[in-house]
N, C-alpha and C. Protein backbone atom coordinates (compact mmCIF):
# COMPACT_ATOMS: atom_id res chain seq x y z
N MET A 1 91.69 -20.49 106.34
CA MET A 1 91.64 -21.43 104.48
C MET A 1 90.68 -21.74 104.65
N ASN A 2 88.98 -21.54 105.31
CA ASN A 2 88.18 -22.70 105.31
C ASN A 2 87.39 -21.75 104.12
N HIS A 3 87.90 -20.37 103.60
CA HIS A 3 86.79 -19.21 102.86
C HIS A 3 87.88 -19.64 102.04
N GLN A 4 88.64 -19.82 101.70
CA GLN A 4 89.50 -19.33 100.41
C GLN A 4 87.96 -19.47 98.84
N LYS A 5 87.22 -20.78 99.23
CA LYS A 5 86.18 -20.56 97.89
C LYS A 5 85.23 -19.60 97.96
N GLU A 6 85.00 -19.16 99.36
CA GLU A 6 84.23 -17.90 99.19
C GLU A 6 84.67 -16.75 98.54
N TYR A 7 86.02 -16.33 99.14
CA TYR A 7 86.42 -15.25 99.36
C TYR A 7 87.73 -15.27 96.97
N TRP A 8 87.50 -16.75 96.85
CA TRP A 8 87.49 -16.18 95.04
C TRP A 8 86.27 -16.31 94.08
N ASN A 9 85.37 -17.05 94.70
CA ASN A 9 84.07 -16.44 93.94
C ASN A 9 83.12 -14.70 94.11
N GLU A 10 83.82 -14.18 95.14
CA GLU A 10 83.67 -13.02 95.28
C GLU A 10 84.50 -11.40 94.31
N VAL A 11 85.93 -12.00 94.52
CA VAL A 11 86.67 -11.66 93.57
C VAL A 11 87.09 -11.59 92.61
N ALA A 12 86.93 -12.84 91.46
CA ALA A 12 87.73 -13.58 90.70
C ALA A 12 87.91 -12.91 89.39
N ASN A 13 86.47 -12.19 89.45
CA ASN A 13 85.91 -10.99 87.91
C ASN A 13 86.80 -9.95 88.30
N GLU A 14 87.43 -9.71 89.34
CA GLU A 14 87.91 -8.01 89.40
C GLU A 14 89.50 -8.41 90.22
N LYS A 15 89.73 -9.28 90.30
CA LYS A 15 91.32 -9.73 90.68
C LYS A 15 92.59 -8.91 89.90
N GLN A 16 93.14 -7.92 89.85
CA GLN A 16 94.52 -7.75 89.44
C GLN A 16 95.49 -8.25 90.37
N PHE A 17 96.31 -9.17 89.56
CA PHE A 17 97.71 -9.81 90.16
C PHE A 17 98.39 -8.25 89.82
N THR A 18 99.35 -7.94 90.70
CA THR A 18 100.62 -6.65 90.32
C THR A 18 101.92 -7.25 89.76
N THR A 19 102.14 -8.36 90.08
CA THR A 19 102.96 -8.52 89.87
C THR A 19 103.39 -10.12 88.83
N PRO A 20 103.65 -9.28 87.34
CA PRO A 20 104.02 -10.36 86.55
C PRO A 20 104.87 -11.77 86.41
N PHE A 21 104.28 -12.48 86.17
CA PHE A 21 104.98 -13.78 85.55
C PHE A 21 106.36 -13.67 85.06
N GLN A 22 107.52 -13.90 85.47
CA GLN A 22 108.91 -13.11 85.15
C GLN A 22 109.79 -14.23 84.00
N PHE A 23 108.88 -14.70 82.39
CA PHE A 23 108.82 -15.33 81.65
C PHE A 23 110.28 -15.74 81.28
N ASP A 24 110.82 -14.42 81.39
CA ASP A 24 112.32 -14.69 80.00
C ASP A 24 113.51 -15.43 81.08
N TRP A 25 113.21 -15.15 82.61
CA TRP A 25 113.93 -15.31 83.49
C TRP A 25 113.64 -16.70 83.45
N PHE A 26 112.60 -17.23 83.79
CA PHE A 26 112.04 -18.85 83.46
C PHE A 26 111.96 -19.61 82.63
N SER A 27 112.38 -19.13 81.65
CA SER A 27 112.57 -19.83 80.21
C SER A 27 113.86 -20.34 80.30
N LYS A 28 114.94 -19.78 80.92
CA LYS A 28 116.36 -19.72 80.72
C LYS A 28 117.06 -21.02 81.36
N TYR A 29 115.76 -20.91 82.72
CA TYR A 29 116.68 -22.27 83.45
C TYR A 29 115.08 -23.57 83.10
N VAL A 30 113.99 -23.08 82.84
CA VAL A 30 113.24 -24.50 82.88
C VAL A 30 113.23 -24.85 81.41
N ASN A 31 113.48 -26.08 80.85
CA ASN A 31 113.39 -26.41 79.52
C ASN A 31 111.82 -27.00 79.23
N LYS A 32 111.74 -26.19 77.91
CA LYS A 32 109.68 -26.74 77.68
C LYS A 32 109.13 -28.11 77.35
N GLU A 33 110.29 -29.04 77.51
CA GLU A 33 109.59 -30.43 77.93
C GLU A 33 109.38 -30.68 79.50
N ALA A 34 109.93 -29.85 80.40
CA ALA A 34 109.90 -30.29 81.64
C ALA A 34 108.38 -30.47 82.13
N ALA A 35 108.01 -31.12 83.10
CA ALA A 35 107.08 -31.18 84.23
C ALA A 35 106.40 -29.68 84.78
N ILE A 36 105.92 -29.19 84.61
CA ILE A 36 105.09 -27.95 85.62
C ILE A 36 104.19 -28.37 86.63
N LEU A 37 104.41 -28.06 87.90
CA LEU A 37 103.04 -28.49 88.99
C LEU A 37 102.86 -27.09 89.18
N ASP A 38 101.85 -26.08 89.14
CA ASP A 38 101.41 -24.98 90.11
C ASP A 38 100.49 -25.15 90.81
N TYR A 39 101.04 -25.48 91.80
CA TYR A 39 100.00 -25.47 93.24
C TYR A 39 99.30 -24.29 94.03
N GLY A 40 98.32 -24.32 93.74
CA GLY A 40 97.52 -23.16 94.23
C GLY A 40 97.73 -22.22 92.93
N CYS A 41 97.13 -22.67 91.87
CA CYS A 41 97.37 -21.94 90.68
C CYS A 41 95.88 -20.70 90.19
N GLY A 42 94.88 -20.72 91.22
CA GLY A 42 93.72 -20.26 91.22
C GLY A 42 93.15 -20.05 90.00
N TYR A 43 93.01 -19.29 88.98
CA TYR A 43 92.74 -19.38 87.81
C TYR A 43 93.62 -19.72 86.21
N GLY A 44 94.82 -20.06 86.45
CA GLY A 44 95.45 -20.30 86.22
C GLY A 44 96.30 -19.40 85.01
N ARG A 45 96.70 -18.29 85.62
CA ARG A 45 97.00 -17.11 84.58
C ARG A 45 98.34 -17.38 84.18
N THR A 46 99.30 -17.86 85.50
CA THR A 46 101.19 -18.67 84.77
C THR A 46 101.28 -19.89 83.49
N LEU A 47 99.66 -21.11 83.93
CA LEU A 47 99.89 -21.51 83.47
C LEU A 47 99.26 -21.49 81.71
N LEU A 48 98.88 -20.82 81.54
CA LEU A 48 97.85 -20.70 80.05
C LEU A 48 99.39 -19.50 79.40
N GLU A 49 100.57 -18.27 80.07
CA GLU A 49 101.15 -17.74 79.29
C GLU A 49 102.10 -18.63 79.10
N LEU A 50 102.17 -20.17 80.39
CA LEU A 50 103.57 -21.25 79.98
C LEU A 50 102.79 -21.30 78.41
N LYS A 51 101.85 -22.03 78.24
CA LYS A 51 100.95 -22.78 77.24
C LYS A 51 101.18 -22.02 75.95
N GLN A 52 101.41 -20.54 76.52
CA GLN A 52 100.80 -19.92 74.83
C GLN A 52 102.55 -19.92 74.15
N ASN A 53 103.41 -20.26 75.38
CA ASN A 53 105.14 -20.03 75.16
C ASN A 53 105.29 -21.48 74.67
N GLN A 54 104.53 -22.37 74.18
CA GLN A 54 104.81 -23.56 73.98
C GLN A 54 105.15 -24.73 74.50
N PHE A 55 105.50 -24.33 76.44
CA PHE A 55 105.58 -25.19 77.17
C PHE A 55 104.29 -26.26 77.09
N MET A 56 103.74 -27.46 77.44
CA MET A 56 102.90 -28.17 77.25
C MET A 56 103.04 -29.36 78.25
N ASN A 57 103.81 -29.36 79.15
CA ASN A 57 103.52 -30.61 80.00
C ASN A 57 103.36 -29.67 81.75
N LEU A 58 101.90 -29.36 81.64
CA LEU A 58 101.88 -28.30 82.67
C LEU A 58 100.85 -29.19 83.26
N TYR A 59 100.82 -28.81 84.76
CA TYR A 59 99.94 -29.36 85.79
C TYR A 59 99.39 -27.97 86.94
N GLY A 60 98.13 -28.10 87.31
CA GLY A 60 97.50 -26.74 88.20
C GLY A 60 96.60 -27.88 89.51
N VAL A 61 97.19 -27.16 90.67
CA VAL A 61 96.58 -27.38 90.82
C VAL A 61 95.80 -26.44 92.26
N PHE A 62 94.06 -26.68 92.71
CA PHE A 62 93.77 -25.45 93.31
C PHE A 62 92.37 -25.71 93.76
N GLU A 63 92.21 -25.54 94.63
CA GLU A 63 90.09 -25.69 94.87
C GLU A 63 89.22 -24.54 94.45
N LEU A 64 89.36 -24.83 93.20
CA LEU A 64 88.74 -23.86 92.68
C LEU A 64 87.13 -23.51 93.19
N ALA A 65 86.79 -22.24 92.99
CA ALA A 65 85.98 -21.41 93.51
C ALA A 65 85.09 -21.45 91.64
N ASP A 66 83.93 -21.31 92.04
CA ASP A 66 83.36 -21.07 90.66
C ASP A 66 83.68 -19.74 89.66
N GLY A 67 83.74 -18.68 90.51
CA GLY A 67 84.68 -17.87 89.90
C GLY A 67 85.69 -17.59 89.32
N ALA A 68 86.79 -18.57 89.79
CA ALA A 68 88.06 -18.72 89.29
C ALA A 68 88.07 -19.58 87.89
N VAL A 69 86.84 -20.76 87.75
CA VAL A 69 86.93 -21.68 87.05
C VAL A 69 85.80 -20.80 85.36
N LEU A 70 85.98 -19.89 85.91
CA LEU A 70 84.77 -19.30 84.64
C LEU A 70 85.96 -17.99 84.30
N ARG A 71 86.68 -17.49 85.68
CA ARG A 71 87.39 -16.28 85.13
C ARG A 71 88.77 -16.93 84.16
N HIS A 72 88.85 -18.58 84.01
CA HIS A 72 89.93 -19.13 83.78
C HIS A 72 89.45 -19.51 82.04
N HIS A 73 88.56 -19.63 82.07
CA HIS A 73 87.68 -20.01 80.59
C HIS A 73 87.59 -19.22 79.08
N HIS A 74 87.27 -17.80 80.50
CA HIS A 74 87.12 -16.84 80.33
C HIS A 74 88.47 -16.09 79.68
N GLU A 75 89.51 -16.12 80.21
CA GLU A 75 91.03 -15.89 80.23
C GLU A 75 91.55 -16.82 78.85
N GLU A 76 91.64 -17.85 79.00
CA GLU A 76 91.68 -18.49 77.67
C GLU A 76 91.15 -18.42 76.88
N ARG A 77 90.09 -18.20 76.84
CA ARG A 77 89.37 -18.20 74.81
C ARG A 77 90.02 -16.16 74.83
N VAL A 78 89.94 -15.29 75.22
CA VAL A 78 90.42 -14.31 75.41
C VAL A 78 92.04 -14.11 74.42
N LYS A 79 92.64 -14.85 74.86
CA LYS A 79 94.35 -15.50 74.47
C LYS A 79 94.50 -15.76 73.08
N GLU A 80 93.16 -16.74 73.08
CA GLU A 80 93.21 -17.70 71.39
C GLU A 80 93.45 -16.77 70.75
């Protein structure tokens, strides 16, 4: 666990997640006004998808590595 920040600094730009977020299933059970906490959110890919689908009460917690922060900002700009 002590090396998580170093790990994410090394892999943040090329890390590929092979399990997609199941938005259709999620949206059946979770109201758009619900407060959502993504603990361990990394660069925020799930929160970004939720935001794009009008979920607005979103919170993410992660000891962010610089690489993850940069990727989050890049992903957010690309999706806009």
